[in-house]
Amino acid sequence: MNLHEYQAKEVLASFGIPIQRGIMATTPDEAVVAAQLLTQATGTQWHVVKGQVHAGGRGKAGAIKLAKNLDEVREKSCRYYWHDHVQQTNRPRRKTNPESAYY
């Protein structure tokens, strides 16, 4: 079974398991709106921009970035969309699908 992180969190939450909040976004503009909503709900200005790929080592591949403000959320999400991420395995390279970014 291949589940993205956001899908696994939805399953866990449906069973009452506490999870860290996140909002799925498919464009940099949506990512900024999601970050604004999370800032209102949690009070934090820092956000983690995470690409959702079915591969290990996404942190090493650059698919997880810390954004310290809304401008960085936009910048890091713009860099992420349709970027080639090299997997830390022997599998071939995969293009990131812009419908698969999580903020």
Protein backbone atom coordinates (compact mmCIF):
# COMPACT_ATOMS: atom_id res chain seq x y z
CA MET A 1 0.00 0.00 0.00
CA ASN A 2 1.36 3.42 -0.94
CA LEU A 3 0.12 6.20 1.32
CA HIS A 4 1.32 9.77 1.35
CA GLU A 5 1.92 11.32 4.77
CA TYR A 6 -1.24 13.44 4.59
CA GLN A 7 -3.31 10.33 3.79
CA ALA A 8 -1.83 8.38 6.70
CA LYS A 9 -2.55 11.30 9.05
CA GLU A 10 -6.20 11.32 7.93
CA VAL A 11 -6.49 7.61 8.73
CA LEU A 12 -4.86 8.03 12.14
CA ALA A 13 -7.06 11.03 12.98
CA SER A 14 -10.19 9.05 12.07
CA PHE A 15 -9.28 6.69 14.94
CA GLY A 16 -8.82 9.55 17.39
CA ILE A 17 -5.03 9.50 17.35
CA PRO A 18 -3.56 12.99 17.84
CA ILE A 19 -1.62 14.22 14.82
CA GLN A 20 0.27 17.35 13.89
CA ARG A 21 -1.84 19.67 11.75
CA GLY A 22 -1.18 20.09 8.07
CA ILE A 23 -3.00 21.33 4.98
CA MET A 24 -2.64 19.91 1.49
CA ALA A 25 -1.77 22.55 -1.13
CA THR A 26 -1.29 22.13 -4.85
CA THR A 27 0.15 25.55 -5.74
CA PRO A 28 2.47 28.04 -4.05
CA ASP A 29 -0.50 30.41 -3.56
CA GLU A 30 -2.44 27.65 -1.81
CA ALA A 31 0.62 26.97 0.32
CA VAL A 32 0.70 30.57 1.53
CA VAL A 33 -3.03 30.49 2.36
CA ALA A 34 -2.52 27.19 4.19
CA ALA A 35 0.37 28.70 6.16
CA GLN A 36 -1.79 31.70 7.08
CA LEU A 37 -4.54 29.40 8.34
CA LEU A 38 -2.07 27.35 10.36
CA THR A 39 -0.55 30.53 11.82
CA GLN A 40 -4.02 31.66 12.94
CA ALA A 41 -4.76 28.25 14.45
CA THR A 42 -1.42 27.61 16.16
CA GLY A 43 0.27 31.00 16.57
CA THR A 44 3.49 29.90 14.89
CA GLN A 45 5.17 31.73 12.03
CA TRP A 46 7.36 28.74 11.13
CA HIS A 47 6.13 26.08 8.71
CA VAL A 48 7.53 22.92 7.17
CA VAL A 49 7.07 22.56 3.41
CA LYS A 50 6.97 18.83 2.61
CA GLY A 51 6.78 17.14 -0.74
CA GLN A 52 4.68 14.01 -0.82
CA VAL A 53 6.46 11.30 -2.80
CA HIS A 54 6.43 7.53 -2.50
CA ALA A 55 10.13 7.30 -1.80
CA GLY A 56 12.49 7.16 1.10
CA GLY A 57 15.03 9.86 1.81
CA ARG A 58 12.88 12.83 0.82
CA GLY A 59 14.67 15.00 3.37
CA LYS A 60 18.03 14.25 1.77
CA ALA A 61 16.50 14.84 -1.65
CA GLY A 62 15.39 18.34 -0.66
CA ALA A 63 11.66 17.62 -0.38
CA ILE A 64 11.39 18.88 3.23
CA LYS A 65 12.16 22.53 3.93
CA LEU A 66 11.72 24.81 6.94
CA ALA A 67 10.09 28.16 6.17
CA LYS A 68 10.38 30.85 8.85
CA ASN A 69 7.78 33.22 7.34
CA LEU A 70 5.17 33.42 4.57
CA ASP A 71 7.67 34.70 1.99
CA GLU A 72 9.81 31.62 2.58
CA VAL A 73 6.72 29.38 2.29
CA ARG A 74 6.12 30.82 -1.19
CA GLU A 75 9.80 30.64 -2.18
CA LYS A 76 10.33 27.07 -1.00
CA SER A 77 7.08 25.82 -2.49
CA CYS A 78 7.88 27.49 -5.85
CA ARG A 79 11.24 25.71 -5.86
CA TYR A 80 9.57 22.41 -5.09
CA TYR A 81 6.96 22.17 -7.84
CA TRP A 82 8.04 20.01 -10.79
CA HIS A 83 11.56 19.77 -9.41
CA ASP A 84 13.50 16.55 -10.01
CA HIS A 85 14.16 14.85 -6.69
CA VAL A 86 16.86 12.24 -6.68
CA GLN A 87 15.89 9.32 -4.52
CA GLN A 88 18.43 7.93 -2.13
CA THR A 89 17.85 4.48 -3.61
CA ASN A 90 18.67 2.77 -6.88
CA ARG A 91 15.26 3.63 -8.31
CA PRO A 92 14.97 5.97 -11.29
CA ARG A 93 14.42 9.69 -10.78
CA ARG A 94 10.84 10.83 -10.37
CA LYS A 95 9.26 14.13 -11.25
CA THR A 96 7.40 15.71 -8.37
CA ASN A 97 3.72 15.97 -9.08
CA PRO A 98 2.41 19.46 -8.21
CA GLU A 99 -0.71 17.82 -6.81
CA SER A 100 1.47 16.16 -4.20
CA ALA A 101 2.79 18.93 -1.97
CA TYR A 102 1.88 19.17 1.68
CA TYR A 103 2.18 22.17 3.98
